[in-house]
Amino acid sequence: MLVTQKVQTILFSVFGLLLIPLIAMQFTIEVNWNFADFFIAAILLFSLAFSIDFIFRKVKSKSHKILIIASFLIAFLLLWAELAVGIFGTPFAGS
């Protein structure tokens, strides 16, 4: 199976980001992720990365690209914050 350079870059970037909490867990008790946390974070990061890649390839207008990517980033950050600390108080909040 042939994996393109762009896909490899996305894969290594996501795994690199996921190494940050994994390494932090070795040095402090304040970071306490389990397998489900890493799995959900990987799904969110891969979804965001491949969505941005798709937008870059398919959307022609630069202003539309910026607007769509910004909305995806805001949605990603709000979802991440909700899962981490429960800023909106939904039932699947982290705390």
PDB file of N, CA and C in Angstrom:
ATOM      1  N   MET A   1       0.842  -1.171   0.000  1.00  0.00           N
ATOM      2  CA  MET A   1       0.000   0.000   0.000  1.00  0.00           C
ATOM      3  C   MET A   1       0.891   1.238   0.000  1.00  0.00           C
ATOM      4  N   LEU A   2       0.573   2.156  -0.867  1.00  0.00           N
ATOM      5  CA  LEU A   2       1.355   3.361  -1.019  1.00  0.00           C
ATOM      6  C   LEU A   2       0.736   4.486  -0.191  1.00  0.00           C
ATOM      7  N   VAL A   3       1.521   5.060   0.704  1.00  0.00           N
ATOM      8  CA  VAL A   3       1.072   6.165   1.529  1.00  0.00           C
ATOM      9  C   VAL A   3       1.809   7.406   1.071  1.00  0.00           C
ATOM     10  N   THR A   4       1.061   8.452   0.734  1.00  0.00           N
ATOM     11  CA  THR A   4       1.679   9.660   0.216  1.00  0.00           C
ATOM     12  C   THR A   4       2.434  10.412   1.307  1.00  0.00           C
ATOM     13  N   GLN A   5       3.264  11.335   0.864  1.00  0.00           N
ATOM     14  CA  GLN A   5       4.049  12.146   1.787  1.00  0.00           C
ATOM     15  C   GLN A   5       3.136  12.983   2.686  1.00  0.00           C
ATOM     16  N   LYS A   6       2.041  13.494   2.142  1.00  0.00           N
ATOM     17  CA  LYS A   6       1.115  14.321   2.917  1.00  0.00           C
ATOM     18  C   LYS A   6       0.458  13.502   4.024  1.00  0.00           C
ATOM     19  N   VAL A   7       0.051  12.291   3.711  1.00  0.00           N
ATOM     20  CA  VAL A   7      -0.579  11.424   4.716  1.00  0.00           C
ATOM     21  C   VAL A   7       0.440  11.054   5.794  1.00  0.00           C
ATOM     22  N   GLN A   8       1.670  10.781   5.393  1.00  0.00           N
ATOM     23  CA  GLN A   8       2.713  10.474   6.368  1.00  0.00           C
ATOM     24  C   GLN A   8       2.952  11.655   7.297  1.00  0.00           C
ATOM     25  N   THR A   9       2.945  12.862   6.756  1.00  0.00           N
ATOM     26  CA  THR A   9       3.140  14.056   7.571  1.00  0.00           C
ATOM     27  C   THR A   9       2.017  14.207   8.587  1.00  0.00           C
ATOM     28  N   ILE A  10       0.785  13.966   8.162  1.00  0.00           N
ATOM     29  CA  ILE A  10      -0.352  14.054   9.074  1.00  0.00           C
ATOM     30  C   ILE A  10      -0.241  12.989  10.162  1.00  0.00           C
ATOM     31  N   LEU A  11       0.087  11.762   9.779  1.00  0.00           N
ATOM     32  CA  LEU A  11       0.211  10.681  10.759  1.00  0.00           C
ATOM     33  C   LEU A  11       1.279  10.990  11.808  1.00  0.00           C
ATOM     34  N   PHE A  12       2.465  11.391  11.348  1.00  0.00           N
ATOM     35  CA  PHE A  12       3.553  11.683  12.290  1.00  0.00           C
ATOM     36  C   PHE A  12       3.240  12.899  13.146  1.00  0.00           C
ATOM     37  N   SER A  13       2.531  13.880  12.598  1.00  0.00           N
ATOM     38  CA  SER A  13       2.170  15.064  13.378  1.00  0.00           C
ATOM     39  C   SER A  13       1.200  14.705  14.500  1.00  0.00           C
ATOM     40  N   VAL A  14       0.191  13.922  14.178  1.00  0.00           N
ATOM     41  CA  VAL A  14      -0.787  13.524  15.193  1.00  0.00           C
ATOM     42  C   VAL A  14      -0.122  12.663  16.262  1.00  0.00           C
ATOM     43  N   PHE A  15       0.672  11.706  15.850  1.00  0.00           N
ATOM     44  CA  PHE A  15       1.344  10.868  16.847  1.00  0.00           C
ATOM     45  C   PHE A  15       2.341  11.677  17.671  1.00  0.00           C
ATOM     46  N   GLY A  16       2.965  12.670  17.058  1.00  0.00           N
ATOM     47  CA  GLY A  16       3.856  13.561  17.800  1.00  0.00           C
ATOM     48  C   GLY A  16       3.107  14.358  18.854  1.00  0.00           C
ATOM     49  N   LEU A  17       1.924  14.859  18.500  1.00  0.00           N
ATOM     50  CA  LEU A  17       1.105  15.579  19.475  1.00  0.00           C
ATOM     51  C   LEU A  17       0.631  14.662  20.600  1.00  0.00           C
ATOM     52  N   LEU A  18       0.327  13.421  20.271  1.00  0.00           N
ATOM     53  CA  LEU A  18      -0.130  12.482  21.298  1.00  0.00           C
ATOM     54  C   LEU A  18       1.011  12.018  22.205  1.00  0.00           C
ATOM     55  N   LEU A  19       2.231  12.212  21.772  1.00  0.00           N
ATOM     56  CA  LEU A  19       3.368  11.875  22.634  1.00  0.00           C
ATOM     57  C   LEU A  19       3.514  12.850  23.797  1.00  0.00           C
ATOM     58  N   ILE A  20       3.009  14.068  23.626  1.00  0.00           N
ATOM     59  CA  ILE A  20       3.145  15.078  24.680  1.00  0.00           C
ATOM     60  C   ILE A  20       2.473  14.615  25.979  1.00  0.00           C
ATOM     61  N   PRO A  21       1.186  14.238  25.976  1.00  0.00           N
ATOM     62  CA  PRO A  21       0.608  13.772  27.243  1.00  0.00           C
ATOM     63  C   PRO A  21       1.192  12.433  27.704  1.00  0.00           C
ATOM     64  N   LEU A  22       1.603  11.584  26.749  1.00  0.00           N
ATOM     65  CA  LEU A  22       2.201  10.305  27.132  1.00  0.00           C
ATOM     66  C   LEU A  22       3.500  10.522  27.902  1.00  0.00           C
ATOM     67  N   ILE A  23       4.322  11.431  27.436  1.00  0.00           N
ATOM     68  CA  ILE A  23       5.574  11.735  28.136  1.00  0.00           C
ATOM     69  C   ILE A  23       5.287  12.456  29.448  1.00  0.00           C
ATOM     70  N   ALA A  24       4.319  13.373  29.439  1.00  0.00           N
ATOM     71  CA  ALA A  24       3.983  14.108  30.665  1.00  0.00           C
ATOM     72  C   ALA A  24       3.487  13.171  31.757  1.00  0.00           C
ATOM     73  N   MET A  25       2.809  12.099  31.374  1.00  0.00           N
ATOM     74  CA  MET A  25       2.313  11.137  32.357  1.00  0.00           C
ATOM     75  C   MET A  25       3.454  10.457  33.110  1.00  0.00           C
ATOM     76  N   GLN A  26       4.630  10.417  32.512  1.00  0.00           N
ATOM     77  CA  GLN A  26       5.768   9.762  33.146  1.00  0.00           C
ATOM     78  C   GLN A  26       6.382  10.626  34.253  1.00  0.00           C
ATOM     79  N   PHE A  27       6.107  11.940  34.204  1.00  0.00           N
ATOM     80  CA  PHE A  27       6.766  12.856  35.124  1.00  0.00           C
ATOM     81  C   PHE A  27       5.843  13.522  36.136  1.00  0.00           C
ATOM     82  N   THR A  28       4.542  13.453  35.922  1.00  0.00           N
ATOM     83  CA  THR A  28       3.618  14.108  36.843  1.00  0.00           C
ATOM     84  C   THR A  28       2.336  13.284  36.970  1.00  0.00           C
ATOM     85  N   ILE A  29       1.686  13.438  38.112  1.00  0.00           N
ATOM     86  CA  ILE A  29       0.416  12.750  38.317  1.00  0.00           C
ATOM     87  C   ILE A  29      -0.754  13.607  37.843  1.00  0.00           C
ATOM     88  N   GLU A  30      -0.497  14.842  37.444  1.00  0.00           N
ATOM     89  CA  GLU A  30      -1.558  15.746  36.999  1.00  0.00           C
ATOM     90  C   GLU A  30      -2.089  15.381  35.619  1.00  0.00           C
ATOM     91  N   VAL A  31      -1.290  14.684  34.836  1.00  0.00           N
ATOM     92  CA  VAL A  31      -1.748  14.197  33.534  1.00  0.00           C
ATOM     93  C   VAL A  31      -2.064  12.722  33.707  1.00  0.00           C
ATOM     94  N   ASN A  32      -3.342  12.390  33.566  1.00  0.00           N
ATOM     95  CA  ASN A  32      -3.789  11.027  33.823  1.00  0.00           C
ATOM     96  C   ASN A  32      -4.730  10.585  32.698  1.00  0.00           C
ATOM     97  N   TRP A  33      -4.158  10.230  31.566  1.00  0.00           N
ATOM     98  CA  TRP A  33      -4.945   9.780  30.418  1.00  0.00           C
ATOM     99  C   TRP A  33      -4.984   8.257  30.407  1.00  0.00           C
ATOM    100  N   ASN A  34      -6.103   7.713  29.966  1.00  0.00           N
ATOM    101  CA  ASN A  34      -6.183   6.271  29.745  1.00  0.00           C
ATOM    102  C   ASN A  34      -6.289   6.026  28.234  1.00  0.00           C
ATOM    103  N   PHE A  35      -6.474   4.763  27.864  1.00  0.00           N
ATOM    104  CA  PHE A  35      -6.507   4.424  26.437  1.00  0.00           C
ATOM    105  C   PHE A  35      -7.624   5.152  25.712  1.00  0.00           C
ATOM    106  N   ALA A  36      -8.790   5.270  26.351  1.00  0.00           N
ATOM    107  CA  ALA A  36      -9.925   5.942  25.715  1.00  0.00           C
ATOM    108  C   ALA A  36      -9.616   7.406  25.428  1.00  0.00           C
ATOM    109  N   ASP A  37      -8.898   8.068  26.339  1.00  0.00           N
ATOM    110  CA  ASP A  37      -8.527   9.461  26.113  1.00  0.00           C
ATOM    111  C   ASP A  37      -7.627   9.601  24.890  1.00  0.00           C
ATOM    112  N   PHE A  38      -6.645   8.723  24.777  1.00  0.00           N
ATOM    113  CA  PHE A  38      -5.754   8.765  23.614  1.00  0.00           C
ATOM    114  C   PHE A  38      -6.520   8.427  22.336  1.00  0.00           C
ATOM    115  N   PHE A  39      -7.423   7.491  22.411  1.00  0.00           N
ATOM    116  CA  PHE A  39      -8.203   7.094  21.235  1.00  0.00           C
ATOM    117  C   PHE A  39      -9.085   8.244  20.747  1.00  0.00           C
ATOM    118  N   ILE A  40      -9.788   8.889  21.657  1.00  0.00           N
ATOM    119  CA  ILE A  40     -10.653  10.007  21.288  1.00  0.00           C
ATOM    120  C   ILE A  40      -9.828  11.181  20.769  1.00  0.00           C
ATOM    121  N   ALA A  41      -8.708  11.467  21.415  1.00  0.00           N
ATOM    122  CA  ALA A  41      -7.846  12.547  20.942  1.00  0.00           C
ATOM    123  C   ALA A  41      -7.321  12.251  19.540  1.00  0.00           C
ATOM    124  N   ALA A  42      -6.949  11.005  19.290  1.00  0.00           N
ATOM    125  CA  ALA A  42      -6.463  10.634  17.953  1.00  0.00           C
ATOM    126  C   ALA A  42      -7.554  10.804  16.906  1.00  0.00           C
ATOM    127  N   ILE A  43      -8.772  10.384  17.237  1.00  0.00           N
ATOM    128  CA  ILE A  43      -9.884  10.545  16.290  1.00  0.00           C
ATOM    129  C   ILE A  43     -10.125  12.018  15.994  1.00  0.00           C
ATOM    130  N   LEU A  44     -10.141  12.846  17.030  1.00  0.00           N
ATOM    131  CA  LEU A  44     -10.361  14.277  16.832  1.00  0.00           C
ATOM    132  C   LEU A  44      -9.250  14.912  16.005  1.00  0.00           C
ATOM    133  N   LEU A  45      -8.002  14.587  16.321  1.00  0.00           N
ATOM    134  CA  LEU A  45      -6.874  15.182  15.601  1.00  0.00           C
ATOM    135  C   LEU A  45      -6.810  14.708  14.147  1.00  0.00           C
ATOM    136  N   PHE A  46      -7.025  13.413  13.929  1.00  0.00           N
ATOM    137  CA  PHE A  46      -7.034  12.912  12.548  1.00  0.00           C
ATOM    138  C   PHE A  46      -8.174  13.523  11.754  1.00  0.00           C
ATOM    139  N   SER A  47      -9.342  13.623  12.361  1.00  0.00           N
ATOM    140  CA  SER A  47     -10.484  14.225  11.670  1.00  0.00           C
ATOM    141  C   SER A  47     -10.191  15.667  11.287  1.00  0.00           C
ATOM    142  N   LEU A  48      -9.636  16.417  12.202  1.00  0.00           N
ATOM    143  CA  LEU A  48      -9.304  17.814  11.920  1.00  0.00           C
ATOM    144  C   LEU A  48      -8.248  17.911  10.822  1.00  0.00           C
ATOM    145  N   ALA A  49      -7.201  17.123  10.924  1.00  0.00           N
ATOM    146  CA  ALA A  49      -6.111  17.203   9.949  1.00  0.00           C
ATOM    147  C   ALA A  49      -6.569  16.814   8.546  1.00  0.00           C
ATOM    148  N   PHE A  50      -7.313  15.738   8.429  1.00  0.00           N
ATOM    149  CA  PHE A  50      -7.759  15.311   7.105  1.00  0.00           C
ATOM    150  C   PHE A  50      -8.858  16.230   6.559  1.00  0.00           C
ATOM    151  N   SER A  51      -9.651  16.835   7.444  1.00  0.00           N
ATOM    152  CA  SER A  51     -10.645  17.809   6.993  1.00  0.00           C
ATOM    153  C   SER A  51      -9.962  19.050   6.426  1.00  0.00           C
ATOM    154  N   ILE A  52      -8.937  19.523   7.101  1.00  0.00           N
ATOM    155  CA  ILE A  52      -8.199  20.687   6.607  1.00  0.00           C
ATOM    156  C   ILE A  52      -7.517  20.363   5.287  1.00  0.00           C
ATOM    157  N   ASP A  53      -6.952  19.171   5.175  1.00  0.00           N
ATOM    158  CA  ASP A  53      -6.339  18.759   3.915  1.00  0.00           C
ATOM    159  C   ASP A  53      -7.373  18.730   2.795  1.00  0.00           C
ATOM    160  N   PHE A  54      -8.547  18.202   3.078  1.00  0.00           N
ATOM    161  CA  PHE A  54      -9.619  18.154   2.084  1.00  0.00           C
ATOM    162  C   PHE A  54     -10.048  19.562   1.670  1.00  0.00           C
ATOM    163  N   ILE A  55     -10.157  20.453   2.638  1.00  0.00           N
ATOM    164  CA  ILE A  55     -10.536  21.838   2.334  1.00  0.00           C
ATOM    165  C   ILE A  55      -9.493  22.492   1.439  1.00  0.00           C
ATOM    166  N   PHE A  56      -8.214  22.287   1.739  1.00  0.00           N
ATOM    167  CA  PHE A  56      -7.158  22.864   0.903  1.00  0.00           C
ATOM    168  C   PHE A  56      -7.223  22.353  -0.529  1.00  0.00           C
ATOM    169  N   ARG A  57      -7.602  21.095  -0.692  1.00  0.00           N
ATOM    170  CA  ARG A  57      -7.648  20.528  -2.038  1.00  0.00           C
ATOM    171  C   ARG A  57      -8.898  20.915  -2.816  1.00  0.00           C
ATOM    172  N   LYS A  58     -10.035  21.080  -2.148  1.00  0.00           N
ATOM    173  CA  LYS A  58     -11.305  21.234  -2.855  1.00  0.00           C
ATOM    174  C   LYS A  58     -11.823  22.673  -2.945  1.00  0.00           C
ATOM    175  N   VAL A  59     -11.547  23.486  -1.949  1.00  0.00           N
ATOM    176  CA  VAL A  59     -12.080  24.855  -1.945  1.00  0.00           C
ATOM    177  C   VAL A  59     -11.102  25.758  -2.682  1.00  0.00           C
ATOM    178  N   LYS A  60     -11.617  26.522  -3.627  1.00  0.00           N
ATOM    179  CA  LYS A  60     -10.748  27.344  -4.480  1.00  0.00           C
ATOM    180  C   LYS A  60     -10.491  28.727  -3.899  1.00  0.00           C
ATOM    181  N   SER A  61     -11.501  29.354  -3.337  1.00  0.00           N
ATOM    182  CA  SER A  61     -11.383  30.725  -2.846  1.00  0.00           C
ATOM    183  C   SER A  61     -10.592  30.759  -1.535  1.00  0.00           C
ATOM    184  N   LYS A  62      -9.601  31.660  -1.482  1.00  0.00           N
ATOM    185  CA  LYS A  62      -8.769  31.755  -0.282  1.00  0.00           C
ATOM    186  C   LYS A  62      -9.591  32.213   0.920  1.00  0.00           C
ATOM    187  N   SER A  63     -10.503  33.155   0.716  1.00  0.00           N
ATOM    188  CA  SER A  63     -11.315  33.639   1.838  1.00  0.00           C
ATOM    189  C   SER A  63     -12.248  32.545   2.356  1.00  0.00           C
ATOM    190  N   HIS A  64     -12.768  31.720   1.460  1.00  0.00           N
ATOM    191  CA  HIS A  64     -13.612  30.610   1.896  1.00  0.00           C
ATOM    192  C   HIS A  64     -12.796  29.563   2.656  1.00  0.00           C
ATOM    193  N   LYS A  65     -11.574  29.304   2.192  1.00  0.00           N
ATOM    194  CA  LYS A  65     -10.702  28.362   2.904  1.00  0.00           C
ATOM    195  C   LYS A  65     -10.466  28.826   4.333  1.00  0.00           C
ATOM    196  N   ILE A  66     -10.125  30.103   4.472  1.00  0.00           N
ATOM    197  CA  ILE A  66      -9.840  30.647   5.802  1.00  0.00           C
ATOM    198  C   ILE A  66     -11.066  30.551   6.693  1.00  0.00           C
ATOM    199  N   LEU A  67     -12.224  30.901   6.175  1.00  0.00           N
ATOM    200  CA  LEU A  67     -13.459  30.868   6.954  1.00  0.00           C
ATOM    201  C   LEU A  67     -13.827  29.446   7.373  1.00  0.00           C
ATOM    202  N   ILE A  68     -13.737  28.511   6.457  1.00  0.00           N
ATOM    203  CA  ILE A  68     -14.098  27.123   6.769  1.00  0.00           C
ATOM    204  C   ILE A  68     -13.111  26.507   7.748  1.00  0.00           C
ATOM    205  N   ILE A  69     -11.821  26.724   7.517  1.00  0.00           N
ATOM    206  CA  ILE A  69     -10.804  26.163   8.417  1.00  0.00           C
ATOM    207  C   ILE A  69     -10.921  26.779   9.806  1.00  0.00           C
ATOM    208  N   ALA A  70     -11.165  28.078   9.884  1.00  0.00           N
ATOM    209  CA  ALA A  70     -11.336  28.729  11.183  1.00  0.00           C
ATOM    210  C   ALA A  70     -12.538  28.150  11.924  1.00  0.00           C
ATOM    211  N   SER A  71     -13.630  27.897  11.213  1.00  0.00           N
ATOM    212  CA  SER A  71     -14.805  27.320  11.876  1.00  0.00           C
ATOM    213  C   SER A  71     -14.520  25.891  12.344  1.00  0.00           C
ATOM    214  N   PHE A  72     -13.781  25.121  11.551  1.00  0.00           N
ATOM    215  CA  PHE A  72     -13.402  23.769  11.983  1.00  0.00           C
ATOM    216  C   PHE A  72     -12.509  23.831  13.226  1.00  0.00           C
ATOM    217  N   LEU A  73     -11.545  24.745  13.246  1.00  0.00           N
ATOM    218  CA  LEU A  73     -10.658  24.872  14.400  1.00  0.00           C
ATOM    219  C   LEU A  73     -11.414  25.287  15.655  1.00  0.00           C
ATOM    220  N   ILE A  74     -12.340  26.223  15.523  1.00  0.00           N
ATOM    221  CA  ILE A  74     -13.134  26.654  16.678  1.00  0.00           C
ATOM    222  C   ILE A  74     -13.982  25.495  17.197  1.00  0.00           C
ATOM    223  N   ALA A  75     -14.627  24.767  16.286  1.00  0.00           N
ATOM    224  CA  ALA A  75     -15.432  23.619  16.704  1.00  0.00           C
ATOM    225  C   ALA A  75     -14.564  22.564  17.382  1.00  0.00           C
ATOM    226  N   PHE A  76     -13.380  22.304  16.833  1.00  0.00           N
ATOM    227  CA  PHE A  76     -12.452  21.341  17.427  1.00  0.00           C
ATOM    228  C   PHE A  76     -12.054  21.766  18.835  1.00  0.00           C
ATOM    229  N   LEU A  77     -11.665  23.033  19.001  1.00  0.00           N
ATOM    230  CA  LEU A  77     -11.222  23.509  20.307  1.00  0.00           C
ATOM    231  C   LEU A  77     -12.349  23.500  21.337  1.00  0.00           C
ATOM    232  N   LEU A  78     -13.560  23.849  20.918  1.00  0.00           N
ATOM    233  CA  LEU A  78     -14.695  23.805  21.846  1.00  0.00           C
ATOM    234  C   LEU A  78     -15.019  22.368  22.259  1.00  0.00           C
ATOM    235  N   LEU A  79     -14.981  21.451  21.307  1.00  0.00           N
ATOM    236  CA  LEU A  79     -15.234  20.043  21.627  1.00  0.00           C
ATOM    237  C   LEU A  79     -14.145  19.490  22.542  1.00  0.00           C
ATOM    238  N   TRP A  80     -12.894  19.822  22.248  1.00  0.00           N
ATOM    239  CA  TRP A  80     -11.777  19.365  23.071  1.00  0.00           C
ATOM    240  C   TRP A  80     -11.917  19.894  24.502  1.00  0.00           C
ATOM    241  N   ALA A  81     -12.235  21.185  24.639  1.00  0.00           N
ATOM    242  CA  ALA A  81     -12.387  21.773  25.967  1.00  0.00           C
ATOM    243  C   ALA A  81     -13.563  21.149  26.715  1.00  0.00           C
ATOM    244  N   GLU A  82     -14.635  20.873  26.008  1.00  0.00           N
ATOM    245  CA  GLU A  82     -15.791  20.242  26.654  1.00  0.00           C
ATOM    246  C   GLU A  82     -15.439  18.840  27.146  1.00  0.00           C
ATOM    247  N   LEU A  83     -14.743  18.086  26.333  1.00  0.00           N
ATOM    248  CA  LEU A  83     -14.361  16.737  26.754  1.00  0.00           C
ATOM    249  C   LEU A  83     -13.341  16.780  27.893  1.00  0.00           C
ATOM    250  N   ALA A  84     -12.494  17.792  27.916  1.00  0.00           N
ATOM    251  CA  ALA A  84     -11.444  17.866  28.931  1.00  0.00           C
ATOM    252  C   ALA A  84     -11.972  18.344  30.280  1.00  0.00           C
ATOM    253  N   VAL A  85     -12.714  19.451  30.288  1.00  0.00           N
ATOM    254  CA  VAL A  85     -13.102  20.026  31.567  1.00  0.00           C
ATOM    255  C   VAL A  85     -14.585  20.315  31.691  1.00  0.00           C
ATOM    256  N   GLY A  86     -15.357  20.155  30.641  1.00  0.00           N
ATOM    257  CA  GLY A  86     -16.794  20.339  30.722  1.00  0.00           C
ATOM    258  C   GLY A  86     -17.233  21.787  30.828  1.00  0.00           C
ATOM    259  N   ILE A  87     -16.809  22.634  29.909  1.00  0.00           N
ATOM    260  CA  ILE A  87     -17.156  24.049  29.997  1.00  0.00           C
ATOM    261  C   ILE A  87     -18.633  24.314  29.740  1.00  0.00           C
ATOM    262  N   PHE A  88     -19.325  23.409  29.064  1.00  0.00           N
ATOM    263  CA  PHE A  88     -20.742  23.594  28.787  1.00  0.00           C
ATOM    264  C   PHE A  88     -21.634  22.727  29.683  1.00  0.00           C
ATOM    265  N   GLY A  89     -21.042  21.804  30.398  1.00  0.00           N
ATOM    266  CA  GLY A  89     -21.801  20.982  31.331  1.00  0.00           C
ATOM    267  C   GLY A  89     -22.635  19.890  30.679  1.00  0.00           C
ATOM    268  N   THR A  90     -22.204  19.390  29.540  1.00  0.00           N
ATOM    269  CA  THR A  90     -22.934  18.307  28.882  1.00  0.00           C
ATOM    270  C   THR A  90     -22.680  16.989  29.610  1.00  0.00           C
ATOM    271  N   PRO A  91     -23.482  15.965  29.366  1.00  0.00           N
ATOM    272  CA  PRO A  91     -23.304  14.691  30.076  1.00  0.00           C
ATOM    273  C   PRO A  91     -21.977  13.981  29.793  1.00  0.00           C
ATOM    274  N   PHE A  92     -21.351  14.233  28.640  1.00  0.00           N
ATOM    275  CA  PHE A  92     -20.088  13.533  28.371  1.00  0.00           C
ATOM    276  C   PHE A  92     -18.867  14.376  28.696  1.00  0.00           C
ATOM    277  N   ALA A  93     -19.019  15.345  29.572  1.00  0.00           N
ATOM    278  CA  ALA A  93     -17.898  16.197  29.996  1.00  0.00           C
ATOM    279  C   ALA A  93     -16.894  15.392  30.790  1.00  0.00           C
ATOM    280  N   GLY A  94     -15.661  15.870  30.808  1.00  0.00           N
ATOM    281  CA  GLY A  94     -14.585  15.138  31.457  1.00  0.00           C
ATOM    282  C   GLY A  94     -14.611  15.179  32.973  1.00  0.00           C
ATOM    283  N   SER A  95     -15.221  16.202  33.543  1.00  0.00           N
ATOM    284  CA  SER A  95     -15.189  16.274  35.012  1.00  0.00           C
ATOM    285  C   SER A  95     -16.568  16.207  35.614  1.00  0.00           C
TER     286      SER A  95
END
